[in-house]
């Protein structure tokens, strides 16, 4: 809870709440599936059976897979950032790259100057 009020964003909150978000997405998809089946049966029984057995589960599975892939991508990016920060810390806090004569990193060359 303390990390939510960290205005310098030193700690990532997403890994701790990602499970809750995924459960909420699954619950919303389930409620949407039930609502669409009820609406389809009100339209006609044939369409209701089609939505119940084919269209509804297909829709839910595709959206659940997309949500899972998006959340996994977000977690992978966060873990990459955490691991990179740890590697910089272990290397002594210096930024990677060539070092100038003054001891700092070499600025990139300007491609617009000859």
N, C-alpha and C. Protein backbone atom coordinates (compact mmCIF):
# COMPACT_ATOMS: atom_id res chain seq x y z
N UNK A 1 0.82 -1.19 0.00
CA UNK A 1 0.00 0.00 0.00
C UNK A 1 0.87 1.26 0.00
N UNK A 2 2.00 1.17 0.66
CA UNK A 2 2.91 2.29 0.74
C UNK A 2 3.45 2.66 -0.66
N UNK A 3 3.61 1.66 -1.52
CA UNK A 3 4.14 1.90 -2.85
C UNK A 3 3.18 2.71 -3.72
N UNK A 4 1.90 2.69 -3.41
CA UNK A 4 0.93 3.46 -4.19
C UNK A 4 1.15 4.96 -4.06
N UNK A 5 1.73 5.38 -2.94
CA UNK A 5 1.94 6.80 -2.68
C UNK A 5 3.39 7.22 -2.87
N UNK A 6 4.20 6.38 -3.49
CA UNK A 6 5.58 6.70 -3.80
C UNK A 6 5.60 7.58 -5.04
N UNK A 7 5.78 8.87 -4.85
CA UNK A 7 5.72 9.82 -5.97
C UNK A 7 6.96 9.78 -6.85
N UNK A 8 8.01 9.12 -6.41
CA UNK A 8 9.22 9.00 -7.23
C UNK A 8 9.23 7.70 -8.04
N UNK A 9 8.23 6.87 -7.86
CA UNK A 9 8.07 5.62 -8.60
C UNK A 9 9.32 4.74 -8.52
N UNK A 10 9.78 4.52 -7.31
CA UNK A 10 10.96 3.67 -7.10
C UNK A 10 10.59 2.19 -7.00
N UNK A 11 9.34 1.90 -6.66
CA UNK A 11 8.89 0.52 -6.54
C UNK A 11 7.68 0.33 -7.45
N UNK A 12 7.68 -0.79 -8.18
CA UNK A 12 6.56 -1.10 -9.08
C UNK A 12 5.42 -1.71 -8.28
N UNK A 13 4.22 -1.22 -8.50
CA UNK A 13 3.03 -1.72 -7.81
C UNK A 13 2.37 -2.84 -8.63
N UNK A 14 2.52 -2.78 -9.93
CA UNK A 14 1.81 -3.69 -10.82
C UNK A 14 2.02 -5.17 -10.49
N UNK A 15 3.24 -5.64 -10.20
CA UNK A 15 3.38 -7.07 -9.89
C UNK A 15 2.56 -7.53 -8.69
N UNK A 16 2.26 -6.63 -7.77
CA UNK A 16 1.50 -7.04 -6.60
C UNK A 16 0.00 -7.05 -6.86
N UNK A 17 -0.47 -6.26 -7.82
CA UNK A 17 -1.91 -6.20 -8.06
C UNK A 17 -2.33 -6.90 -9.35
N UNK A 18 -1.39 -7.48 -10.09
CA UNK A 18 -1.71 -8.07 -11.39
C UNK A 18 -2.66 -9.26 -11.25
N UNK A 19 -2.56 -10.02 -10.17
CA UNK A 19 -3.46 -11.16 -9.97
C UNK A 19 -4.90 -10.69 -9.78
N UNK A 20 -5.06 -9.60 -9.05
CA UNK A 20 -6.40 -9.05 -8.82
C UNK A 20 -6.99 -8.56 -10.14
N UNK A 21 -6.18 -7.91 -10.95
CA UNK A 21 -6.65 -7.41 -12.24
C UNK A 21 -7.08 -8.57 -13.13
N UNK A 22 -6.30 -9.65 -13.14
CA UNK A 22 -6.63 -10.81 -13.98
C UNK A 22 -7.92 -11.47 -13.51
N UNK A 23 -8.11 -11.59 -12.21
CA UNK A 23 -9.34 -12.17 -11.68
C UNK A 23 -10.54 -11.28 -12.04
N UNK A 24 -10.37 -9.96 -11.95
CA UNK A 24 -11.45 -9.05 -12.34
C UNK A 24 -11.80 -9.17 -13.82
N UNK A 25 -10.80 -9.32 -14.66
CA UNK A 25 -11.04 -9.51 -16.09
C UNK A 25 -11.81 -10.81 -16.32
N UNK A 26 -11.41 -11.89 -15.64
CA UNK A 26 -12.12 -13.16 -15.80
C UNK A 26 -13.57 -13.04 -15.33
N UNK A 27 -13.78 -12.35 -14.21
CA UNK A 27 -15.14 -12.18 -13.69
C UNK A 27 -15.99 -11.35 -14.65
N UNK A 28 -15.44 -10.28 -15.19
CA UNK A 28 -16.19 -9.45 -16.13
C UNK A 28 -16.51 -10.21 -17.41
N UNK A 29 -15.58 -11.02 -17.88
CA UNK A 29 -15.86 -11.84 -19.06
C UNK A 29 -16.96 -12.86 -18.77
N UNK A 30 -16.95 -13.43 -17.57
CA UNK A 30 -17.99 -14.38 -17.19
C UNK A 30 -19.35 -13.73 -17.12
N UNK A 31 -19.42 -12.55 -16.51
CA UNK A 31 -20.69 -11.83 -16.42
C UNK A 31 -21.17 -11.42 -17.82
N UNK A 32 -20.25 -10.97 -18.65
CA UNK A 32 -20.60 -10.61 -20.02
C UNK A 32 -21.10 -11.80 -20.82
N UNK A 33 -20.48 -12.96 -20.60
CA UNK A 33 -20.89 -14.19 -21.28
C UNK A 33 -22.32 -14.56 -20.87
N UNK A 34 -22.59 -14.54 -19.59
CA UNK A 34 -23.94 -14.89 -19.10
C UNK A 34 -24.97 -13.89 -19.63
N UNK A 35 -24.64 -12.61 -19.62
CA UNK A 35 -25.57 -11.60 -20.11
C UNK A 35 -25.82 -11.77 -21.61
N UNK A 36 -24.78 -12.10 -22.38
CA UNK A 36 -24.99 -12.28 -23.82
C UNK A 36 -25.80 -13.54 -24.11
N UNK A 37 -25.63 -14.60 -23.32
CA UNK A 37 -26.44 -15.81 -23.50
C UNK A 37 -27.91 -15.51 -23.20
N UNK A 38 -28.16 -14.79 -22.12
CA UNK A 38 -29.55 -14.44 -21.77
C UNK A 38 -30.17 -13.58 -22.87
N UNK A 39 -29.43 -12.60 -23.35
CA UNK A 39 -29.95 -11.73 -24.42
C UNK A 39 -30.18 -12.54 -25.70
N UNK A 40 -29.31 -13.47 -26.00
CA UNK A 40 -29.47 -14.28 -27.21
C UNK A 40 -30.68 -15.20 -27.11
N UNK A 41 -30.92 -15.77 -25.94
CA UNK A 41 -32.10 -16.62 -25.77
C UNK A 41 -33.39 -15.80 -25.83
N UNK A 42 -33.33 -14.54 -25.43
CA UNK A 42 -34.51 -13.69 -25.54
C UNK A 42 -34.82 -13.37 -27.00
N UNK A 43 -33.78 -13.32 -27.83
CA UNK A 43 -33.99 -13.06 -29.25
C UNK A 43 -34.59 -14.29 -29.93
N UNK A 44 -33.95 -15.43 -29.75
CA UNK A 44 -34.48 -16.69 -30.28
C UNK A 44 -33.73 -17.84 -29.63
N UNK A 45 -34.38 -18.99 -29.57
CA UNK A 45 -33.75 -20.14 -28.91
C UNK A 45 -32.58 -20.68 -29.73
N UNK A 46 -32.69 -20.64 -31.04
CA UNK A 46 -31.58 -21.12 -31.89
C UNK A 46 -30.34 -20.26 -31.73
N UNK A 47 -30.54 -18.94 -31.73
CA UNK A 47 -29.41 -18.03 -31.54
C UNK A 47 -28.84 -18.17 -30.13
N UNK A 48 -29.71 -18.41 -29.16
CA UNK A 48 -29.25 -18.60 -27.78
C UNK A 48 -28.36 -19.81 -27.65
N UNK A 49 -28.74 -20.90 -28.30
CA UNK A 49 -27.91 -22.12 -28.25
C UNK A 49 -26.58 -21.88 -28.96
N UNK A 50 -26.62 -21.15 -30.08
CA UNK A 50 -25.39 -20.82 -30.81
C UNK A 50 -24.44 -20.00 -29.96
N UNK A 51 -24.97 -18.99 -29.28
CA UNK A 51 -24.14 -18.15 -28.41
C UNK A 51 -23.66 -18.94 -27.21
N UNK A 52 -24.51 -19.79 -26.64
CA UNK A 52 -24.15 -20.58 -25.46
C UNK A 52 -23.03 -21.56 -25.76
N UNK A 53 -23.07 -22.22 -26.91
CA UNK A 53 -22.12 -23.30 -27.18
C UNK A 53 -20.94 -22.90 -28.06
N UNK A 54 -21.11 -21.90 -28.93
CA UNK A 54 -20.03 -21.61 -29.88
C UNK A 54 -19.50 -20.18 -29.73
N UNK A 55 -20.34 -19.22 -29.97
CA UNK A 55 -19.89 -17.83 -30.04
C UNK A 55 -19.40 -17.30 -28.69
N UNK A 56 -20.14 -17.56 -27.63
CA UNK A 56 -19.77 -17.05 -26.31
C UNK A 56 -18.44 -17.58 -25.81
N UNK A 57 -18.27 -18.93 -25.78
CA UNK A 57 -16.98 -19.47 -25.31
C UNK A 57 -15.80 -19.02 -26.17
N UNK A 58 -16.02 -18.93 -27.50
CA UNK A 58 -14.94 -18.48 -28.39
C UNK A 58 -14.54 -17.04 -28.06
N UNK A 59 -15.53 -16.19 -27.90
CA UNK A 59 -15.29 -14.79 -27.55
C UNK A 59 -14.53 -14.69 -26.22
N UNK A 60 -14.98 -15.42 -25.20
CA UNK A 60 -14.36 -15.36 -23.88
C UNK A 60 -12.92 -15.88 -23.94
N UNK A 61 -12.68 -16.98 -24.63
CA UNK A 61 -11.33 -17.53 -24.71
C UNK A 61 -10.37 -16.60 -25.44
N UNK A 62 -10.83 -15.98 -26.52
CA UNK A 62 -9.95 -15.07 -27.27
C UNK A 62 -9.60 -13.85 -26.41
N UNK A 63 -10.59 -13.25 -25.77
CA UNK A 63 -10.33 -12.07 -24.96
C UNK A 63 -9.51 -12.40 -23.72
N UNK A 64 -9.74 -13.58 -23.15
CA UNK A 64 -8.94 -13.97 -21.98
C UNK A 64 -7.48 -14.20 -22.38
N UNK A 65 -7.26 -14.80 -23.55
CA UNK A 65 -5.89 -15.00 -24.03
C UNK A 65 -5.20 -13.67 -24.31
N UNK A 66 -5.94 -12.73 -24.91
CA UNK A 66 -5.36 -11.41 -25.18
C UNK A 66 -5.05 -10.65 -23.89
N UNK A 67 -5.94 -10.74 -22.93
CA UNK A 67 -5.70 -10.08 -21.64
C UNK A 67 -4.49 -10.69 -20.95
N UNK A 68 -4.40 -12.02 -20.97
CA UNK A 68 -3.27 -12.70 -20.33
C UNK A 68 -1.95 -12.31 -21.01
N UNK A 69 -1.94 -12.29 -22.34
CA UNK A 69 -0.72 -11.92 -23.07
C UNK A 69 -0.32 -10.48 -22.76
N UNK A 70 -1.28 -9.59 -22.69
CA UNK A 70 -0.97 -8.19 -22.37
C UNK A 70 -0.41 -8.04 -20.96
N UNK A 71 -1.02 -8.73 -20.00
CA UNK A 71 -0.53 -8.64 -18.62
C UNK A 71 0.85 -9.29 -18.48
N UNK A 72 1.07 -10.41 -19.17
CA UNK A 72 2.39 -11.05 -19.12
C UNK A 72 3.46 -10.15 -19.74
N UNK A 73 3.11 -9.46 -20.82
CA UNK A 73 4.04 -8.53 -21.45
C UNK A 73 4.40 -7.39 -20.49
N UNK A 74 3.40 -6.89 -19.80
CA UNK A 74 3.64 -5.82 -18.83
C UNK A 74 4.57 -6.30 -17.70
N UNK A 75 4.32 -7.48 -17.19
CA UNK A 75 5.17 -8.03 -16.12
C UNK A 75 6.59 -8.26 -16.63
N UNK A 76 6.72 -8.74 -17.88
CA UNK A 76 8.06 -8.97 -18.44
C UNK A 76 8.84 -7.66 -18.55
N UNK A 77 8.16 -6.59 -18.95
CA UNK A 77 8.82 -5.28 -19.04
C UNK A 77 9.25 -4.78 -17.66
N UNK A 78 8.41 -5.00 -16.68
CA UNK A 78 8.75 -4.56 -15.32
C UNK A 78 9.92 -5.35 -14.79
N UNK A 79 9.92 -6.66 -15.00
CA UNK A 79 11.05 -7.49 -14.53
C UNK A 79 12.34 -7.12 -15.25
N UNK A 80 12.25 -6.78 -16.54
CA UNK A 80 13.44 -6.34 -17.27
C UNK A 80 13.98 -5.04 -16.67
N UNK A 81 13.10 -4.12 -16.35
CA UNK A 81 13.53 -2.86 -15.73
C UNK A 81 14.17 -3.11 -14.37
N UNK A 82 13.57 -3.99 -13.57
CA UNK A 82 14.14 -4.29 -12.26
C UNK A 82 15.51 -4.95 -12.38
N UNK A 83 15.63 -5.90 -13.31
CA UNK A 83 16.91 -6.58 -13.49
C UNK A 83 17.97 -5.64 -14.03
N UNK A 84 17.59 -4.73 -14.92
CA UNK A 84 18.55 -3.75 -15.45
C UNK A 84 19.02 -2.82 -14.34
N UNK A 85 18.12 -2.39 -13.50
CA UNK A 85 18.51 -1.52 -12.38
C UNK A 85 19.44 -2.26 -11.44
N UNK A 86 19.19 -3.53 -11.21
CA UNK A 86 20.07 -4.32 -10.34
C UNK A 86 21.46 -4.48 -10.96
N UNK A 87 21.52 -4.70 -12.27
CA UNK A 87 22.82 -4.82 -12.94
C UNK A 87 23.60 -3.52 -12.87
N UNK A 88 22.93 -2.39 -13.05
CA UNK A 88 23.60 -1.08 -12.93
C UNK A 88 24.11 -0.89 -11.51
N UNK A 89 23.30 -1.28 -10.53
CA UNK A 89 23.72 -1.15 -9.13
C UNK A 89 24.94 -2.02 -8.85
N UNK A 90 24.94 -3.25 -9.36
CA UNK A 90 26.07 -4.15 -9.14
C UNK A 90 27.34 -3.68 -9.86
N UNK A 91 27.16 -2.96 -10.96
CA UNK A 91 28.31 -2.46 -11.72
C UNK A 91 28.88 -1.19 -11.12
N UNK A 92 28.35 -0.74 -10.03
CA UNK A 92 28.90 0.44 -9.38
C UNK A 92 28.11 1.70 -9.68
N UNK A 93 26.97 1.55 -10.30
CA UNK A 93 26.12 2.71 -10.55
C UNK A 93 26.47 3.50 -11.78
N UNK A 94 27.48 3.08 -12.55
CA UNK A 94 27.84 3.79 -13.76
C UNK A 94 26.91 3.38 -14.90
N UNK A 95 26.64 4.32 -15.78
CA UNK A 95 25.85 3.97 -16.95
C UNK A 95 26.73 3.22 -17.93
N UNK A 96 26.20 2.23 -18.61
CA UNK A 96 27.02 1.49 -19.58
C UNK A 96 27.35 2.36 -20.78
N UNK A 97 28.44 2.04 -21.42
CA UNK A 97 28.84 2.77 -22.62
C UNK A 97 30.27 3.26 -22.49
N UNK A 98 30.81 3.87 -23.56
CA UNK A 98 32.18 4.37 -23.53
C UNK A 98 32.33 5.53 -22.55
N UNK A 99 33.53 5.69 -22.02
CA UNK A 99 33.82 6.71 -21.02
C UNK A 99 34.74 7.76 -21.64
N UNK A 100 34.47 9.03 -21.39
CA UNK A 100 35.30 10.11 -21.92
C UNK A 100 36.53 10.31 -21.04
N UNK A 101 37.39 11.26 -21.43
CA UNK A 101 38.59 11.55 -20.66
C UNK A 101 38.26 12.13 -19.29
N UNK A 102 37.09 12.76 -19.17
CA UNK A 102 36.70 13.36 -17.90
C UNK A 102 36.07 12.32 -16.96
N UNK A 103 35.91 11.10 -17.40
CA UNK A 103 35.39 10.06 -16.53
C UNK A 103 33.90 9.79 -16.71
N UNK A 104 33.20 10.59 -17.48
CA UNK A 104 31.77 10.39 -17.69
C UNK A 104 31.52 9.67 -19.00
N UNK A 105 30.29 9.36 -19.26
CA UNK A 105 29.97 8.70 -20.53
C UNK A 105 30.17 9.63 -21.71
N UNK A 106 30.49 9.06 -22.85
CA UNK A 106 30.70 9.83 -24.07
C UNK A 106 29.32 10.14 -24.65
N UNK A 107 29.04 11.43 -24.93
CA UNK A 107 27.74 11.75 -25.53
C UNK A 107 27.68 11.20 -26.95
N UNK A 108 26.49 10.85 -27.42
CA UNK A 108 26.38 10.33 -28.78
C UNK A 108 26.74 11.40 -29.81
N UNK A 109 27.28 10.94 -30.92
CA UNK A 109 27.68 11.86 -31.99
C UNK A 109 26.43 12.44 -32.63
N UNK A 110 26.52 13.69 -33.06
CA UNK A 110 25.42 14.34 -33.74
C UNK A 110 25.45 13.93 -35.20
N UNK A 111 24.43 13.21 -35.69
CA UNK A 111 24.48 12.74 -37.09
C UNK A 111 24.25 13.86 -38.10
N UNK A 112 23.84 15.06 -37.64
CA UNK A 112 23.56 16.15 -38.56
C UNK A 112 24.76 17.05 -38.79
N UNK A 113 25.86 16.84 -38.06
CA UNK A 113 27.07 17.63 -38.28
C UNK A 113 28.07 16.78 -39.06
N UNK A 114 28.76 17.42 -40.02
CA UNK A 114 29.73 16.65 -40.85
C UNK A 114 30.98 16.30 -40.08
